[in-house]
Protein backbone atom coordinates (compact mmCIF):
# COMPACT_ATOMS: atom_id res chain seq x y z
CA UNK A 1 52.27 -9.29 -49.02
CA UNK A 2 53.33 -11.47 -52.17
CA UNK A 3 52.21 -11.17 -55.70
CA UNK A 4 49.86 -13.86 -55.26
CA UNK A 5 48.07 -12.33 -52.48
CA UNK A 6 47.98 -9.19 -54.42
CA UNK A 7 46.85 -10.76 -57.18
CA UNK A 8 43.94 -12.61 -55.37
CA UNK A 9 42.89 -9.03 -53.21
CA UNK A 10 42.66 -7.35 -56.79
CA UNK A 11 40.48 -10.25 -58.21
CA UNK A 12 38.31 -10.01 -54.96
CA UNK A 13 37.91 -6.44 -55.38
CA UNK A 14 36.84 -6.51 -59.30
CA UNK A 15 34.57 -9.18 -58.41
CA UNK A 16 32.73 -7.32 -55.24
CA UNK A 17 32.61 -4.27 -57.96
CA UNK A 18 30.83 -6.27 -60.58
CA UNK A 19 28.55 -7.94 -58.34
CA UNK A 20 27.63 -5.16 -56.70
CA UNK A 21 26.87 -3.39 -60.24
CA UNK A 22 24.80 -6.50 -61.46
CA UNK A 23 22.92 -6.49 -58.07
CA UNK A 24 21.89 -2.88 -58.53
CA UNK A 25 21.18 -3.05 -61.75
CA UNK A 26 18.92 -6.10 -61.56
CA UNK A 27 20.71 -7.49 -64.60
CA UNK A 28 20.22 -10.85 -66.08
CA UNK A 29 22.93 -13.39 -64.82
CA UNK A 30 23.71 -11.80 -61.58
CA UNK A 31 22.69 -14.88 -59.61
CA UNK A 32 25.08 -17.20 -61.25
CA UNK A 33 27.93 -14.73 -61.15
CA UNK A 34 27.57 -14.26 -57.39
CA UNK A 35 27.43 -17.88 -57.08
CA UNK A 36 30.49 -18.22 -58.91
CA UNK A 37 32.19 -15.49 -57.07
CA UNK A 38 30.73 -17.28 -53.67
CA UNK A 39 32.58 -20.56 -54.76
CA UNK A 40 36.01 -18.73 -55.70
CA UNK A 41 36.15 -16.29 -52.53
CA UNK A 42 34.26 -18.63 -49.58
CA UNK A 43 35.51 -16.43 -47.07
CA UNK A 44 34.17 -13.25 -48.37
CA UNK A 45 30.57 -12.33 -46.63
CA UNK A 46 29.83 -9.67 -49.59
CA UNK A 47 28.67 -12.53 -52.11
CA UNK A 48 26.20 -14.15 -49.70
CA UNK A 49 24.79 -10.61 -48.82
CA UNK A 50 24.32 -9.78 -52.48
CA UNK A 51 23.06 -13.31 -53.33
CA UNK A 52 20.40 -12.78 -50.46
CA UNK A 53 19.32 -9.42 -52.44
CA UNK A 54 19.07 -11.11 -55.76
CA UNK A 55 17.12 -14.26 -54.12
CA UNK A 56 14.59 -12.00 -52.74
CA UNK A 57 12.17 -12.51 -55.85
CA UNK A 58 13.63 -15.81 -57.36
CA UNK A 59 14.30 -18.04 -54.38
CA UNK A 60 12.89 -16.35 -51.16
CA UNK A 61 13.61 -19.34 -49.33
CA UNK A 62 17.07 -19.58 -49.35
CA UNK A 63 17.56 -15.72 -48.73
CA UNK A 64 17.88 -16.07 -44.72
CA UNK A 65 20.36 -19.03 -45.17
CA UNK A 66 22.74 -16.59 -47.66
CA UNK A 67 22.54 -13.96 -44.66
CA UNK A 68 23.21 -16.15 -41.86
CA UNK A 69 26.26 -17.42 -43.76
CA UNK A 70 27.41 -13.63 -44.64
CA UNK A 71 27.01 -12.87 -40.84
CA UNK A 72 29.27 -15.77 -39.72
CA UNK A 73 31.66 -15.04 -42.29
CA UNK A 74 31.82 -11.52 -41.44
CA UNK A 75 31.63 -11.77 -37.66
CA UNK A 76 34.12 -9.14 -36.96
CA UNK A 77 33.29 -6.63 -39.82
CA UNK A 78 30.51 -4.26 -38.02
CA UNK A 79 29.22 -3.05 -41.53
CA UNK A 80 28.59 -6.62 -42.42
CA UNK A 81 26.74 -7.03 -39.16
CA UNK A 82 24.50 -4.18 -40.00
CA UNK A 83 23.68 -5.01 -43.47
CA UNK A 84 22.92 -8.60 -42.45
CA UNK A 85 21.05 -7.35 -39.14
CA UNK A 86 18.70 -5.44 -41.54
CA UNK A 87 18.12 -8.18 -44.11
CA UNK A 88 17.40 -10.65 -40.93
CA UNK A 89 14.56 -8.15 -39.71
CA UNK A 90 13.04 -7.80 -43.53
CA UNK A 91 12.86 -11.58 -42.96
CA UNK A 92 11.59 -11.31 -39.40
CA UNK A 93 14.37 -12.82 -37.68
CA UNK A 94 14.45 -10.30 -34.81
CA UNK A 95 16.89 -12.13 -32.50
CA UNK A 96 19.30 -12.52 -35.30
CA UNK A 97 19.14 -9.14 -36.15
CA UNK A 98 20.04 -8.21 -32.34
CA UNK A 99 22.77 -10.34 -32.47
CA UNK A 100 24.48 -8.53 -35.49
CA UNK A 101 23.51 -5.24 -33.66
CA UNK A 102 25.27 -6.57 -30.81
CA UNK A 103 28.53 -7.51 -32.35
CA UNK A 104 28.22 -4.38 -34.52
CA UNK A 105 28.06 -2.18 -31.63
CA UNK A 106 31.00 -4.03 -29.66
CA UNK A 107 33.17 -2.86 -32.59
CA UNK A 108 36.08 -0.41 -31.64
CA UNK A 109 35.52 3.08 -32.62
CA UNK A 110 36.49 4.06 -36.48
CA UNK A 111 35.69 0.43 -37.74
CA UNK A 112 32.30 1.10 -38.31
CA UNK A 113 31.44 2.83 -41.17
CA UNK A 114 27.51 2.26 -41.34
CA UNK A 115 26.95 4.48 -38.25
CA UNK A 116 23.47 5.59 -39.31
CA UNK A 117 22.63 2.04 -40.63
CA UNK A 118 23.49 0.83 -36.81
CA UNK A 119 21.38 3.74 -35.76
CA UNK A 120 18.35 2.29 -37.81
CA UNK A 121 18.76 -1.10 -37.04
CA UNK A 122 18.68 -0.39 -33.33
CA UNK A 123 15.58 1.95 -33.93
CA UNK A 124 13.92 -0.87 -36.00
CA UNK A 125 14.78 -3.52 -33.12
CA UNK A 126 13.36 -1.28 -30.46
CA UNK A 127 10.17 -1.03 -32.42
CA UNK A 128 9.91 -4.70 -32.72
CA UNK A 129 10.32 -4.59 -28.83
CA UNK A 130 7.63 -1.84 -28.28
CA UNK A 131 10.11 0.52 -27.21
CA UNK A 132 9.07 3.46 -29.39
CA UNK A 133 10.70 6.21 -27.60
CA UNK A 134 13.95 4.54 -28.18
CA UNK A 135 13.04 3.58 -31.63
CA UNK A 136 11.93 7.03 -32.76
CA UNK A 137 15.12 8.87 -31.29
CA UNK A 138 17.28 6.19 -32.87
CA UNK A 139 15.43 6.25 -36.56
CA UNK A 140 15.48 10.13 -36.43
CA UNK A 141 19.13 10.11 -35.63
CA UNK A 142 19.97 7.73 -38.56
CA UNK A 143 17.75 10.24 -40.99
CA UNK A 144 19.48 13.25 -39.42
CA UNK A 145 23.10 11.72 -40.24
CA UNK A 146 22.41 10.65 -43.73
CA UNK A 147 19.88 12.66 -45.10
CA UNK A 148 20.57 11.93 -48.73
CA UNK A 149 19.93 8.11 -48.05
CA UNK A 150 16.26 7.39 -48.58
CA UNK A 151 16.38 4.20 -46.70
CA UNK A 152 16.63 5.55 -43.32
CA UNK A 153 13.53 7.89 -44.25
CA UNK A 154 11.61 5.24 -45.07
CA UNK A 155 12.43 3.11 -41.86
CA UNK A 156 11.29 6.39 -39.95
CA UNK A 157 8.19 7.00 -42.33
CA UNK A 158 6.81 3.23 -41.98
CA UNK A 159 7.46 3.55 -38.14
CA UNK A 160 5.42 6.59 -37.70
CA UNK A 161 2.87 5.44 -40.32
CA UNK A 162 2.49 2.09 -38.04
CA UNK A 163 1.81 3.93 -35.18
CA UNK A 164 -1.23 5.82 -36.51
CA UNK A 165 1.03 9.18 -37.25
CA UNK A 166 0.28 9.62 -40.77
CA UNK A 167 0.86 13.48 -41.17
CA UNK A 168 4.35 12.98 -39.24
CA UNK A 169 5.27 10.25 -41.75
CA UNK A 170 4.24 12.13 -44.86
CA UNK A 171 6.19 15.37 -43.47
CA UNK A 172 9.38 12.71 -43.27
CA UNK A 173 9.04 11.45 -46.54
CA UNK A 174 8.70 15.17 -48.04
CA UNK A 175 11.64 16.32 -46.48
CA UNK A 176 13.43 13.39 -47.60
CA UNK A 177 12.27 13.91 -51.20
CA UNK A 178 14.16 17.08 -51.28
CA UNK A 179 17.02 15.28 -50.21
CA UNK A 180 17.41 11.70 -51.23
CA UNK A 181 18.81 10.48 -54.31
CA UNK A 182 16.33 7.57 -54.87
CA UNK A 183 12.86 8.57 -54.65
CA UNK A 184 10.75 5.76 -56.15
CA UNK A 185 10.27 3.85 -52.65
CA UNK A 186 9.50 7.16 -51.04
CA UNK A 187 6.94 8.28 -53.42
CA UNK A 188 4.91 4.88 -53.49
CA UNK A 189 5.07 4.95 -49.70
CA UNK A 190 3.61 8.27 -49.72
CA UNK A 191 1.02 7.04 -52.08
CA UNK A 192 -0.18 4.58 -49.86
CA UNK A 193 -0.35 6.78 -46.76
CA UNK A 194 -2.39 9.35 -49.01
CA UNK A 195 -4.66 6.61 -49.99
CA UNK A 196 -5.38 5.46 -46.35
CA UNK A 197 -6.13 8.91 -45.41
CA UNK A 198 -8.42 9.69 -48.10
CA UNK A 199 -10.20 6.12 -47.72
CA UNK A 200 -10.46 7.25 -44.09
């Protein structure tokens, strides 16, 4: 690898780190930075994925276009496929999510880092297909694999709540609250379920 290649890889890594920080903290100027980074590094799927997250509130009509771009750029990267698949599902594009899950499942052993993420994705797709036994199995497996990640507990609790199993959903949330780092969404969902129970 030559000096220019090493320099570009270093710059790409720095841009990804900065972009993730801006996105995570909701900082002003995140969209502009990520749009510029996407132009500078047009072969990286990371920036379209991050832009999709930023656009959720400001430009919702552009979200799935960015996700589709990321999925195509990261066609051979199973972790990109998992992340894109979840975003497709959030945008109610089940077939695109299914294609992402299939590509992630085809990855050689050891290439996939987001194993729990793939399990959760498969579980969510199964729920859309009304295959509730598989959905619950996969969603619970994701929670068991990474109990500190509130995202997977949220997916499982929402699935249980949608099936009328409010107490089971609350149990999942309460167990996750003891372990998860990010508790805000869990507490919000808990409040919604309890309010429904009180309302009868």
